[in-house]
């Protein structure tokens, strides 16, 4: 078998244009993917910011007028924010769990610390409204207990 100086096989000459065309295609694909991810990140940040503003408004409204509709709106917004941030900010991994020993361990890893900090900030700012919410839930539970 002769390797050196072999002319058989497919080779590309520097002037054939195959390699630059391939690089351009990969570059365009990478650019599109980067733009898509950038747009998704911007949409996520905008959605979280909008939810934060809505929670502040609903919290103020709940503090001024603690009625059931205001409570439900505040609770729904808070749960939407928690779901949105937890889907982007944390990763849950399970370890263990064999048939002989079904015990397993869960590790929660923070993958977006900015979203985690924002969630902590919202909870800290809305502490009084969360206390009102807890009392409304307690009263609602007592009403159900009295009825049954």
C-alpha atoms as a PDB file:
ATOM      1  CA  UNK A   1       0.000   0.000   0.000  1.00  0.00           C
ATOM      2  CA  UNK A   2       1.421   3.301  -1.067  1.00  0.00           C
ATOM      3  CA  UNK A   3       0.322   6.325   0.983  1.00  0.00           C
ATOM      4  CA  UNK A   4       2.848   8.962   0.085  1.00  0.00           C
ATOM      5  CA  UNK A   5       2.164  10.573  -3.234  1.00  0.00           C
ATOM      6  CA  UNK A   6      -1.125   8.765  -3.732  1.00  0.00           C
ATOM      7  CA  UNK A   7      -3.520  10.421  -6.145  1.00  0.00           C
ATOM      8  CA  UNK A   8      -6.520   8.186  -5.508  1.00  0.00           C
ATOM      9  CA  UNK A   9      -9.226   9.171  -3.062  1.00  0.00           C
ATOM     10  CA  UNK A  10     -11.214  12.335  -2.647  1.00  0.00           C
ATOM     11  CA  UNK A  11      -9.210  15.383  -1.822  1.00  0.00           C
ATOM     12  CA  UNK A  12     -10.115  18.991  -2.111  1.00  0.00           C
ATOM     13  CA  UNK A  13      -7.821  21.456  -3.649  1.00  0.00           C
ATOM     14  CA  UNK A  14      -7.452  24.839  -2.038  1.00  0.00           C
ATOM     15  CA  UNK A  15      -9.367  26.493  -4.859  1.00  0.00           C
ATOM     16  CA  UNK A  16     -12.336  24.108  -4.915  1.00  0.00           C
ATOM     17  CA  UNK A  17     -14.437  26.075  -2.426  1.00  0.00           C
ATOM     18  CA  UNK A  18     -15.732  23.091  -0.390  1.00  0.00           C
ATOM     19  CA  UNK A  19     -14.122  24.023   2.910  1.00  0.00           C
ATOM     20  CA  UNK A  20     -15.087  27.731   2.866  1.00  0.00           C
ATOM     21  CA  UNK A  21     -18.665  26.818   1.923  1.00  0.00           C
ATOM     22  CA  UNK A  22     -18.822  24.410   4.853  1.00  0.00           C
ATOM     23  CA  UNK A  23     -17.458  27.056   7.218  1.00  0.00           C
ATOM     24  CA  UNK A  24     -20.006  29.581   5.980  1.00  0.00           C
ATOM     25  CA  UNK A  25     -22.837  27.096   6.541  1.00  0.00           C
ATOM     26  CA  UNK A  26     -21.663  26.292  10.075  1.00  0.00           C
ATOM     27  CA  UNK A  27     -21.174  29.974  10.781  1.00  0.00           C
ATOM     28  CA  UNK A  28     -24.700  30.789   9.627  1.00  0.00           C
ATOM     29  CA  UNK A  29     -26.132  27.915  11.680  1.00  0.00           C
ATOM     30  CA  UNK A  30     -24.220  29.049  14.778  1.00  0.00           C
ATOM     31  CA  UNK A  31     -25.329  32.635  14.237  1.00  0.00           C
ATOM     32  CA  UNK A  32     -29.001  31.630  13.923  1.00  0.00           C
ATOM     33  CA  UNK A  33     -28.795  29.445  17.023  1.00  0.00           C
ATOM     34  CA  UNK A  34     -27.100  32.225  18.987  1.00  0.00           C
ATOM     35  CA  UNK A  35     -29.785  34.722  17.933  1.00  0.00           C
ATOM     36  CA  UNK A  36     -32.540  32.267  18.903  1.00  0.00           C
ATOM     37  CA  UNK A  37     -31.064  31.679  22.345  1.00  0.00           C
ATOM     38  CA  UNK A  38     -30.508  35.402  22.847  1.00  0.00           C
ATOM     39  CA  UNK A  39     -34.149  36.086  21.985  1.00  0.00           C
ATOM     40  CA  UNK A  40     -35.294  33.348  24.402  1.00  0.00           C
ATOM     41  CA  UNK A  41     -33.191  34.838  27.203  1.00  0.00           C
ATOM     42  CA  UNK A  42     -34.570  38.313  26.513  1.00  0.00           C
ATOM     43  CA  UNK A  43     -38.146  36.959  26.507  1.00  0.00           C
ATOM     44  CA  UNK A  44     -37.518  35.118  29.785  1.00  0.00           C
ATOM     45  CA  UNK A  45     -36.074  38.206  31.457  1.00  0.00           C
ATOM     46  CA  UNK A  46     -38.942  40.368  30.207  1.00  0.00           C
ATOM     47  CA  UNK A  47     -41.535  37.852  31.409  1.00  0.00           C
ATOM     48  CA  UNK A  48     -39.959  37.636  34.860  1.00  0.00           C
ATOM     49  CA  UNK A  49     -39.730  41.434  35.096  1.00  0.00           C
ATOM     50  CA  UNK A  50     -43.377  41.798  34.092  1.00  0.00           C
ATOM     51  CA  UNK A  51     -44.429  39.188  36.653  1.00  0.00           C
ATOM     52  CA  UNK A  52     -42.413  40.991  39.315  1.00  0.00           C
ATOM     53  CA  UNK A  53     -44.218  44.275  38.552  1.00  0.00           C
ATOM     54  CA  UNK A  54     -47.613  42.531  38.543  1.00  0.00           C
ATOM     55  CA  UNK A  55     -46.842  40.902  41.904  1.00  0.00           C
ATOM     56  CA  UNK A  56     -45.909  44.262  43.404  1.00  0.00           C
ATOM     57  CA  UNK A  57     -49.154  45.808  42.161  1.00  0.00           C
ATOM     58  CA  UNK A  58     -51.241  42.838  43.350  1.00  0.00           C
ATOM     59  CA  UNK A  59     -49.446  42.877  46.708  1.00  0.00           C
ATOM     60  CA  UNK A  60     -50.172  46.557  47.222  1.00  0.00           C
ATOM     61  CA  UNK A  61     -53.791  45.967  46.253  1.00  0.00           C
ATOM     62  CA  UNK A  62     -54.013  43.046  48.694  1.00  0.00           C
ATOM     63  CA  UNK A  63     -52.499  45.110  51.513  1.00  0.00           C
ATOM     64  CA  UNK A  64     -55.031  47.916  50.910  1.00  0.00           C
ATOM     65  CA  UNK A  65     -58.050  45.672  50.408  1.00  0.00           C
ATOM     66  CA  UNK A  66     -57.591  42.081  51.650  1.00  0.00           C
ATOM     67  CA  UNK A  67     -60.477  40.473  49.778  1.00  0.00           C
ATOM     68  CA  UNK A  68     -60.697  36.994  48.312  1.00  0.00           C
ATOM     69  CA  UNK A  69     -60.356  38.074  44.639  1.00  0.00           C
ATOM     70  CA  UNK A  70     -57.250  40.131  45.497  1.00  0.00           C
ATOM     71  CA  UNK A  71     -55.856  37.192  47.428  1.00  0.00           C
ATOM     72  CA  UNK A  72     -56.430  34.807  44.506  1.00  0.00           C
ATOM     73  CA  UNK A  73     -54.798  37.183  42.024  1.00  0.00           C
ATOM     74  CA  UNK A  74     -51.745  37.623  44.276  1.00  0.00           C
ATOM     75  CA  UNK A  75     -51.454  33.885  44.894  1.00  0.00           C
ATOM     76  CA  UNK A  76     -51.768  33.026  41.195  1.00  0.00           C
ATOM     77  CA  UNK A  77     -49.120  35.560  40.177  1.00  0.00           C
ATOM     78  CA  UNK A  78     -46.758  34.321  42.872  1.00  0.00           C
ATOM     79  CA  UNK A  79     -47.201  30.704  41.787  1.00  0.00           C
ATOM     80  CA  UNK A  80     -46.603  31.655  38.122  1.00  0.00           C
ATOM     81  CA  UNK A  81     -43.369  33.377  39.109  1.00  0.00           C
ATOM     82  CA  UNK A  82     -42.257  30.428  41.226  1.00  0.00           C
ATOM     83  CA  UNK A  83     -42.947  27.956  38.411  1.00  0.00           C
ATOM     84  CA  UNK A  84     -41.203  30.096  35.812  1.00  0.00           C
ATOM     85  CA  UNK A  85     -38.113  30.704  37.905  1.00  0.00           C
ATOM     86  CA  UNK A  86     -37.861  27.134  39.188  1.00  0.00           C
ATOM     87  CA  UNK A  87     -37.969  25.803  35.632  1.00  0.00           C
ATOM     88  CA  UNK A  88     -35.039  28.021  34.623  1.00  0.00           C
ATOM     89  CA  UNK A  89     -33.053  28.520  37.827  1.00  0.00           C
ATOM     90  CA  UNK A  90     -32.750  25.057  39.343  1.00  0.00           C
ATOM     91  CA  UNK A  91     -31.794  21.565  38.250  1.00  0.00           C
ATOM     92  CA  UNK A  92     -32.922  18.509  40.220  1.00  0.00           C
ATOM     93  CA  UNK A  93     -30.840  15.341  40.125  1.00  0.00           C
ATOM     94  CA  UNK A  94     -31.700  12.043  41.788  1.00  0.00           C
ATOM     95  CA  UNK A  95     -29.061   9.568  42.932  1.00  0.00           C
ATOM     96  CA  UNK A  96     -29.461   6.055  44.280  1.00  0.00           C
ATOM     97  CA  UNK A  97     -32.652   4.062  44.253  1.00  0.00           C
ATOM     98  CA  UNK A  98     -31.727   0.431  43.625  1.00  0.00           C
ATOM     99  CA  UNK A  99     -34.257  -2.424  43.930  1.00  0.00           C
ATOM    100  CA  UNK A 100     -32.489  -3.616  47.103  1.00  0.00           C
ATOM    101  CA  UNK A 101     -32.303  -0.128  48.600  1.00  0.00           C
ATOM    102  CA  UNK A 102     -35.065   2.111  47.206  1.00  0.00           C
ATOM    103  CA  UNK A 103     -33.790   5.187  49.052  1.00  0.00           C
ATOM    104  CA  UNK A 104     -32.565   7.918  46.766  1.00  0.00           C
ATOM    105  CA  UNK A 105     -31.124  11.370  47.277  1.00  0.00           C
ATOM    106  CA  UNK A 106     -32.021  14.555  45.462  1.00  0.00           C
ATOM    107  CA  UNK A 107     -29.567  17.321  44.745  1.00  0.00           C
ATOM    108  CA  UNK A 108     -30.872  20.738  43.773  1.00  0.00           C
ATOM    109  CA  UNK A 109     -28.364  22.835  41.864  1.00  0.00           C
ATOM    110  CA  UNK A 110     -28.795  26.535  41.193  1.00  0.00           C
ATOM    111  CA  UNK A 111     -28.063  27.095  37.503  1.00  0.00           C
ATOM    112  CA  UNK A 112     -29.326  30.679  37.260  1.00  0.00           C
ATOM    113  CA  UNK A 113     -28.303  32.586  40.367  1.00  0.00           C
ATOM    114  CA  UNK A 114     -29.816  35.856  39.102  1.00  0.00           C
ATOM    115  CA  UNK A 115     -33.285  34.285  38.921  1.00  0.00           C
ATOM    116  CA  UNK A 116     -32.763  32.774  42.375  1.00  0.00           C
ATOM    117  CA  UNK A 117     -31.832  36.192  43.801  1.00  0.00           C
ATOM    118  CA  UNK A 118     -34.841  37.807  42.148  1.00  0.00           C
ATOM    119  CA  UNK A 119     -37.162  35.202  43.653  1.00  0.00           C
ATOM    120  CA  UNK A 120     -35.663  35.748  47.113  1.00  0.00           C
ATOM    121  CA  UNK A 121     -36.082  39.515  46.669  1.00  0.00           C
ATOM    122  CA  UNK A 122     -39.745  39.155  45.690  1.00  0.00           C
ATOM    123  CA  UNK A 123     -40.427  36.906  48.676  1.00  0.00           C
ATOM    124  CA  UNK A 124     -38.629  39.326  51.024  1.00  0.00           C
ATOM    125  CA  UNK A 125     -40.516  42.350  49.647  1.00  0.00           C
ATOM    126  CA  UNK A 126     -43.871  40.594  49.795  1.00  0.00           C
ATOM    127  CA  UNK A 127     -43.430  39.125  53.283  1.00  0.00           C
ATOM    128  CA  UNK A 128     -46.356  41.107  54.743  1.00  0.00           C
ATOM    129  CA  UNK A 129     -48.629  40.164  51.859  1.00  0.00           C
ATOM    130  CA  UNK A 130     -47.606  36.532  52.249  1.00  0.00           C
ATOM    131  CA  UNK A 131     -48.594  36.754  55.921  1.00  0.00           C
ATOM    132  CA  UNK A 132     -51.997  38.093  54.871  1.00  0.00           C
ATOM    133  CA  UNK A 133     -52.255  35.255  52.381  1.00  0.00           C
ATOM    134  CA  UNK A 134     -51.430  32.681  55.056  1.00  0.00           C
ATOM    135  CA  UNK A 135     -54.116  34.134  57.324  1.00  0.00           C
ATOM    136  CA  UNK A 136     -56.687  34.069  54.506  1.00  0.00           C
ATOM    137  CA  UNK A 137     -55.827  30.420  53.827  1.00  0.00           C
ATOM    138  CA  UNK A 138     -56.166  29.672  57.557  1.00  0.00           C
ATOM    139  CA  UNK A 139     -59.537  31.397  57.764  1.00  0.00           C
ATOM    140  CA  UNK A 140     -60.686  29.671  54.584  1.00  0.00           C
ATOM    141  CA  UNK A 141     -59.706  26.348  56.150  1.00  0.00           C
ATOM    142  CA  UNK A 142     -61.639  27.163  59.306  1.00  0.00           C
ATOM    143  CA  UNK A 143     -64.727  27.994  57.293  1.00  0.00           C
ATOM    144  CA  UNK A 144     -64.490  24.637  55.535  1.00  0.00           C
ATOM    145  CA  UNK A 145     -64.071  22.911  58.917  1.00  0.00           C
ATOM    146  CA  UNK A 146     -67.107  24.687  60.339  1.00  0.00           C
ATOM    147  CA  UNK A 147     -69.249  23.712  57.354  1.00  0.00           C
ATOM    148  CA  UNK A 148     -68.372  19.996  57.507  1.00  0.00           C
END
